[in-house]
Amino acid sequence: MTVAYGTVCLDRTFSLPRLPEPGGYVEMLSERVSLGGEAANTAAAIRRWGGQVVLVGNPLGAGDEAELLSLLLQANELQDAILPQGDHLAPVCHIMVTPDGERTMFGRGFAEMETRGDPSLAPMNAGDWFTADPNHGALARNALITAHEAGMRPYALDFVRDDEQLPPGSLWQSSTSWVGKRGDLGANTRWLEAWLKNHDCTALLSDGRDGFLLGDRIKGVRTFPAWPIDGVVDSTGAGDVFRAGMLMGLDLGWPLVECLKFAASAAALNCQGLGALGGLTDRATVEDLVSSQPETAALYEGTV
């Protein structure tokens, strides 16, 4: 079982030919309204693949957008999500996606999440996985520690402050959107090596189409290619889906290399659609992609 604690929001995603200059105008190519938020995206993917997950998030708020967000949770089979009550406006993220698959985001309601979440609602059973993102601030950071003390296995997403107090033995994941330098393998390797000196964890640092790094204090830092795929539309949610793939595999007792292959393939497929879960597929489709690329799979096996 995985408990996914953290952000639940409404995503409004817009496909643009380019970002406008200040004061300029660009015609939108398409738009999509969908479920969003790191915790919700991760939980939706695990549920789609038949894994066991409990989503514990922030209040949806009140009004039409909150009602729409509730319907989207149901559509993603997350109607059992554990959420506090609130009468504020629903949190919303506006995402502008350009043809290179990159995105620019504008949010509402995220700064207040630290005062509105309630991690005490999360079931904490020894042996289960507990994952969190930092949008809930101190609530999320304390929840990771509490979960570890309860015998759960922590998986931290995007906790990148220098003073992070990660529970020993945690899995940690982030991307070059937050730390390191995009497209610079040397800089990212050095950053991750420095991070591991201060944090006793297994660390994953992704760099989009340039693959990702895996590191720990025993084996050091190793490089992995991105899973090959054509037709990238939008990178939004790729990290959340990668995390979901890792957690589902780990919860099922898969070897680490199998978790990495599944996670990378699922994240790559998700980039083929617009929106955070726009390219989310069923488990069989992900496994078919893994098996269709034996050369890439061999690179993963050789690295782990």
Protein backbone atom coordinates (compact mmCIF):
# COMPACT_ATOMS: atom_id res chain seq x y z
CA MET A 1 0.00 0.00 0.00
CA THR A 2 1.09 3.57 -0.74
CA VAL A 3 -0.19 6.67 1.02
CA ALA A 4 0.16 9.70 -1.27
CA TYR A 5 -0.02 12.85 0.82
CA GLY A 6 0.00 16.31 -0.68
CA THR A 7 -1.35 18.45 -3.47
CA VAL A 8 -4.73 18.08 -5.14
CA CYS A 9 -5.72 20.83 -7.57
CA LEU A 10 -7.51 21.66 -10.79
CA ASP A 11 -5.26 21.93 -13.85
CA ARG A 12 -6.09 24.13 -16.81
CA THR A 13 -3.56 23.31 -19.52
CA PHE A 14 -3.15 25.41 -22.66
CA SER A 15 -1.16 24.46 -25.75
CA LEU A 16 0.56 27.49 -27.31
CA PRO A 17 2.72 27.88 -30.44
CA ARG A 18 5.07 29.99 -28.28
CA LEU A 19 5.04 32.14 -25.16
CA PRO A 20 4.16 35.75 -25.99
CA GLU A 21 6.48 38.67 -25.45
CA PRO A 22 5.51 40.94 -22.52
CA GLY A 23 2.35 42.75 -23.58
CA GLY A 24 1.96 40.48 -26.62
CA TYR A 25 -0.72 38.04 -27.78
CA VAL A 26 -0.68 34.36 -28.79
CA GLU A 27 -3.62 32.30 -30.05
CA MET A 28 -4.17 29.10 -28.04
CA LEU A 29 -4.03 25.85 -30.04
CA SER A 30 -5.98 23.73 -27.54
CA GLU A 31 -6.87 23.51 -23.86
CA ARG A 32 -7.65 20.80 -21.34
CA VAL A 33 -9.16 20.81 -17.86
CA SER A 34 -8.01 17.90 -15.69
CA LEU A 35 -7.13 16.63 -12.27
CA GLY A 36 -3.80 17.98 -11.08
CA GLY A 37 -1.42 18.17 -8.15
CA GLU A 38 1.55 15.95 -7.39
CA ALA A 39 -0.23 13.67 -4.92
CA ALA A 40 -3.38 13.36 -7.02
CA ASN A 41 -1.43 12.60 -10.20
CA THR A 42 0.66 9.94 -8.48
CA ALA A 43 -2.37 8.33 -6.85
CA ALA A 44 -4.35 8.35 -10.10
CA ALA A 45 -1.56 6.56 -11.95
CA ILE A 46 -1.13 3.88 -9.27
CA ARG A 47 -4.91 3.34 -9.19
CA ARG A 48 -5.03 3.11 -13.00
CA TRP A 49 -2.43 0.33 -12.92
CA GLY A 50 -4.29 -1.66 -10.27
CA GLY A 51 -1.99 -0.74 -7.38
CA GLN A 52 -3.09 -0.02 -3.83
CA VAL A 53 -3.07 3.65 -2.89
CA VAL A 54 -4.71 6.09 -0.49
CA LEU A 55 -4.80 9.76 -1.50
CA VAL A 56 -4.69 12.25 1.38
CA GLY A 57 -4.73 15.87 0.27
CA ASN A 58 -5.74 19.44 0.88
CA PRO A 59 -9.38 20.61 0.90
CA LEU A 60 -11.00 21.02 -2.49
CA GLY A 61 -12.67 24.22 -1.32
CA ALA A 62 -16.10 25.40 -2.46
CA GLY A 63 -17.77 26.64 -5.62
CA ASP A 64 -18.01 25.44 -9.21
CA GLU A 65 -14.29 24.66 -9.60
CA ALA A 66 -14.32 22.59 -6.41
CA GLU A 67 -17.31 20.64 -7.69
CA LEU A 68 -15.51 20.02 -10.98
CA LEU A 69 -12.43 18.86 -9.08
CA SER A 70 -14.59 16.42 -7.11
CA LEU A 71 -15.96 15.00 -10.38
CA LEU A 72 -12.43 14.62 -11.74
CA LEU A 73 -11.39 12.68 -8.64
CA GLN A 74 -14.32 10.33 -9.27
CA ALA A 75 -13.40 9.99 -12.95
CA ASN A 76 -9.91 8.89 -11.86
CA GLU A 77 -11.36 6.39 -9.34
CA LEU A 78 -10.17 8.49 -6.41
CA GLN A 79 -13.57 9.22 -4.87
CA ASP A 80 -12.26 7.65 -1.66
CA ALA A 81 -9.62 10.37 -1.22
CA ILE A 82 -9.26 11.63 2.34
CA LEU A 83 -9.61 15.42 2.25
CA PRO A 84 -10.28 18.04 4.96
CA GLN A 85 -13.19 20.44 4.58
CA GLY A 86 -12.75 24.03 3.43
CA ASP A 87 -14.83 26.90 2.00
CA HIS A 88 -12.10 28.73 0.07
CA LEU A 89 -11.64 28.82 -3.70
CA ALA A 90 -10.32 25.57 -5.19
CA PRO A 91 -6.58 25.52 -5.89
CA VAL A 92 -5.94 25.91 -9.62
CA CYS A 93 -2.80 25.64 -11.75
CA HIS A 94 -2.71 27.27 -15.21
CA ILE A 95 -0.12 25.55 -17.41
CA MET A 96 1.19 26.96 -20.70
CA VAL A 97 2.78 24.30 -22.92
CA THR A 98 4.93 25.07 -25.96
CA PRO A 99 5.76 22.73 -28.89
CA ASP A 100 9.01 21.58 -27.28
CA GLY A 101 6.97 19.99 -24.47
CA GLU A 102 8.15 22.51 -21.88
CA ARG A 103 5.67 24.23 -19.60
CA THR A 104 5.24 27.46 -17.66
CA MET A 105 2.90 27.41 -14.67
CA PHE A 106 0.82 29.94 -12.74
CA GLY A 107 -0.96 28.87 -9.58
CA ARG A 108 -3.66 29.98 -7.17
CA GLY A 109 -4.17 28.65 -3.68
CA PHE A 110 -0.84 26.89 -3.24
CA ALA A 111 0.69 29.33 -0.76
CA GLU A 112 -2.14 28.60 1.68
CA MET A 113 -1.88 24.81 1.56
CA GLU A 114 0.43 24.66 4.58
CA THR A 115 -2.41 25.97 6.74
CA ARG A 116 -5.14 23.81 5.20
CA GLY A 117 -3.74 20.27 5.02
CA ASP A 118 -4.14 17.67 7.74
CA PRO A 119 -1.62 14.79 7.54
CA SER A 120 -3.09 13.31 10.75
CA LEU A 121 -5.86 11.97 8.50
CA ALA A 122 -3.37 9.69 6.73
CA PRO A 123 -3.35 6.01 7.72
CA MET A 124 0.15 5.10 8.92
CA ASN A 125 0.72 1.37 8.87
CA ALA A 126 4.19 -0.08 9.31
CA GLY A 127 5.64 -1.44 6.08
CA ASP A 128 3.52 0.74 3.77
CA TRP A 129 5.00 3.47 1.59
CA PHE A 130 4.41 7.13 2.43
CA THR A 131 5.10 9.79 -0.17
CA ALA A 132 4.74 13.55 0.02
CA ASP A 133 5.45 16.74 -1.93
CA PRO A 134 6.49 20.05 -0.33
CA ASN A 135 3.52 22.24 -1.26
CA HIS A 136 2.11 21.59 2.24
CA GLY A 137 5.32 22.97 3.72
CA ALA A 138 6.08 22.02 7.32
CA LEU A 139 3.02 19.76 7.40
CA ALA A 140 4.51 17.57 4.67
CA ARG A 141 8.01 17.60 6.13
CA ASN A 142 6.75 16.58 9.56
CA ALA A 143 4.49 13.94 7.99
CA LEU A 144 7.47 12.23 6.36
CA ILE A 145 9.22 12.01 9.72
CA THR A 146 6.07 10.81 11.50
CA ALA A 147 5.51 8.15 8.85
CA HIS A 148 9.09 6.92 9.22
CA GLU A 149 8.69 6.75 13.01
CA ALA A 150 5.53 4.67 12.45
CA GLY A 151 7.55 2.13 10.44
CA MET A 152 6.50 3.34 7.00
CA ARG A 153 8.89 3.71 4.05
CA PRO A 154 9.30 7.39 3.03
CA TYR A 155 9.47 8.61 -0.57
CA ALA A 156 10.10 12.37 -0.81
CA LEU A 157 9.34 14.33 -4.00
CA ASP A 158 10.98 17.72 -4.65
CA PHE A 159 12.17 18.37 -1.10
CA VAL A 160 15.24 20.32 -2.18
CA ARG A 161 16.01 22.82 0.59
CA ASP A 162 19.53 22.67 1.98
CA ASP A 163 18.14 22.08 5.47
CA GLU A 164 15.85 19.17 4.57
CA GLN A 165 15.66 16.58 7.38
CA LEU A 166 14.97 13.45 5.33
CA PRO A 167 14.41 10.27 7.34
CA PRO A 168 17.40 7.92 6.92
CA GLY A 169 16.89 5.36 4.18
CA SER A 170 14.34 7.49 2.31
CA LEU A 171 13.83 7.43 -1.40
CA TRP A 172 14.18 10.96 -2.80
CA GLN A 173 13.23 12.26 -6.22
CA SER A 174 13.45 15.63 -7.92
CA SER A 175 14.31 17.15 -11.28
CA THR A 176 16.50 19.77 -12.87
CA SER A 177 13.48 22.07 -12.86
CA TRP A 178 14.39 22.61 -9.19
CA VAL A 179 18.07 21.75 -8.69
CA GLY A 180 21.18 21.12 -10.77
CA LYS A 181 21.34 22.38 -14.34
CA ARG A 182 19.33 21.22 -17.31
CA GLY A 183 21.33 19.33 -19.89
CA ASP A 184 24.57 19.43 -17.89
CA LEU A 185 25.45 15.90 -16.78
CA GLY A 186 28.62 16.99 -15.00
CA ALA A 187 26.90 19.70 -12.97
CA ASN A 188 24.01 17.39 -12.07
CA THR A 189 26.37 14.60 -11.02
CA ARG A 190 28.30 16.97 -8.78
CA TRP A 191 25.11 18.34 -7.29
CA LEU A 192 23.77 14.87 -6.51
CA GLU A 193 27.08 13.73 -5.01
CA ALA A 194 27.03 16.76 -2.70
CA TRP A 195 23.40 16.06 -1.78
CA LEU A 196 24.19 12.48 -0.84
CA LYS A 197 26.95 13.61 1.52
CA ASN A 198 24.32 15.36 3.62
CA HIS A 199 21.35 13.00 3.19
CA ASP A 200 21.23 9.25 3.81
CA CYS A 201 18.89 8.33 0.99
CA THR A 202 18.58 6.73 -2.42
CA ALA A 203 18.26 9.69 -4.79
CA LEU A 204 16.75 10.10 -8.26
CA LEU A 205 17.40 13.30 -10.22
CA SER A 206 15.65 13.51 -13.59
CA ASP A 207 16.66 15.74 -16.50
CA GLY A 208 13.83 15.30 -18.98
CA ARG A 209 14.89 13.96 -22.37
CA ASP A 210 18.48 13.68 -21.06
CA GLY A 211 17.50 10.86 -18.70
CA PHE A 212 18.11 10.69 -14.98
CA LEU A 213 20.67 9.98 -12.29
CA LEU A 214 20.39 7.42 -9.50
CA GLY A 215 22.66 7.71 -6.50
CA ASP A 216 23.40 6.42 -3.01
CA ARG A 217 26.35 6.50 -0.63
CA ILE A 218 27.47 2.96 -1.41
CA LYS A 219 27.35 2.74 -5.22
CA GLY A 220 27.72 6.43 -6.02
CA VAL A 221 25.93 8.15 -8.90
CA ARG A 222 24.88 6.31 -12.05
CA THR A 223 23.34 7.63 -15.28
CA PHE A 224 20.29 6.32 -17.15
CA PRO A 225 18.89 7.36 -20.53
CA ALA A 226 15.33 8.55 -20.90
CA TRP A 227 13.06 5.85 -22.28
CA PRO A 228 12.91 6.33 -26.09
CA ILE A 229 9.57 7.57 -27.36
CA ASP A 230 8.29 9.74 -30.21
CA GLY A 231 5.76 12.52 -30.18
CA VAL A 232 6.44 14.39 -26.94
CA VAL A 233 3.60 16.86 -26.36
CA ASP A 234 3.82 17.93 -22.72
CA SER A 235 6.24 17.09 -19.91
CA THR A 236 3.78 18.12 -17.19
CA GLY A 237 3.24 15.32 -14.68
CA ALA A 238 6.11 13.17 -15.94
CA GLY A 239 7.79 13.25 -12.54
CA ASP A 240 4.55 12.36 -10.76
CA VAL A 241 3.96 9.39 -13.06
CA PHE A 242 7.60 8.30 -12.68
CA ARG A 243 7.13 8.37 -8.90
CA ALA A 244 3.93 6.35 -9.26
CA GLY A 245 5.72 3.71 -11.31
CA MET A 246 8.49 3.43 -8.74
CA LEU A 247 6.08 3.16 -5.83
CA MET A 248 3.85 0.57 -7.47
CA GLY A 249 6.84 -1.61 -8.35
CA LEU A 250 8.45 -1.24 -4.94
CA ASP A 251 5.17 -2.04 -3.20
CA LEU A 252 4.88 -5.21 -5.31
CA GLY A 253 8.44 -6.22 -4.40
CA TRP A 254 9.96 -5.76 -7.84
CA PRO A 255 13.76 -5.46 -8.17
CA LEU A 256 14.90 -1.83 -8.39
CA VAL A 257 15.85 -2.10 -12.06
CA GLU A 258 12.35 -3.30 -12.98
CA CYS A 259 10.85 -0.37 -11.05
CA LEU A 260 13.11 2.05 -12.93
CA LYS A 261 12.22 0.62 -16.34
CA PHE A 262 8.49 0.72 -15.65
CA ALA A 263 8.65 4.23 -14.15
CA ALA A 264 10.69 5.66 -17.03
CA SER A 265 8.44 4.07 -19.65
CA ALA A 266 5.25 5.28 -17.94
CA ALA A 267 6.64 8.81 -17.66
CA ALA A 268 7.64 8.81 -21.33
CA LEU A 269 4.18 7.67 -22.44
CA ASN A 270 2.55 10.33 -20.29
CA CYS A 271 4.44 13.00 -22.23
CA GLN A 272 2.50 12.07 -25.38
CA GLY A 273 -0.67 13.79 -24.17
CA LEU A 274 -1.60 17.29 -23.07
CA GLY A 275 -1.94 17.77 -19.33
CA ALA A 276 -0.48 16.16 -16.22
CA LEU A 277 -2.16 12.82 -16.96
CA GLY A 278 -2.74 13.39 -20.65
CA GLY A 279 -0.75 10.37 -21.79
CA LEU A 280 -1.42 8.07 -18.85
CA THR A 281 -1.95 4.52 -20.10
CA ASP A 282 -2.85 1.18 -18.61
CA ARG A 283 -0.23 -1.12 -17.10
CA ALA A 284 -0.11 -3.46 -20.09
CA THR A 285 0.78 -0.61 -22.45
CA VAL A 286 3.65 0.46 -20.20
CA GLU A 287 4.94 -3.11 -19.97
CA ASP A 288 4.70 -3.47 -23.77
CA LEU A 289 6.89 -0.39 -24.19
CA VAL A 290 9.45 -1.82 -21.77
CA SER A 291 9.62 -5.10 -23.65
CA SER A 292 9.81 -3.36 -27.05
CA GLN A 293 13.10 -1.65 -26.20
CA PRO A 294 15.53 -4.44 -25.16
CA GLU A 295 18.55 -2.24 -25.94
CA THR A 296 17.43 0.42 -23.48
CA ALA A 297 16.44 -2.21 -20.93
CA ALA A 298 19.95 -3.67 -21.17
CA LEU A 299 21.46 -0.25 -20.42
CA TYR A 300 19.36 -0.04 -17.26
CA GLU A 301 20.31 -3.55 -16.17
CA GLY A 302 23.98 -2.84 -16.75
CA THR A 303 23.85 0.31 -14.65
CA VAL A 304 22.02 -1.13 -11.63
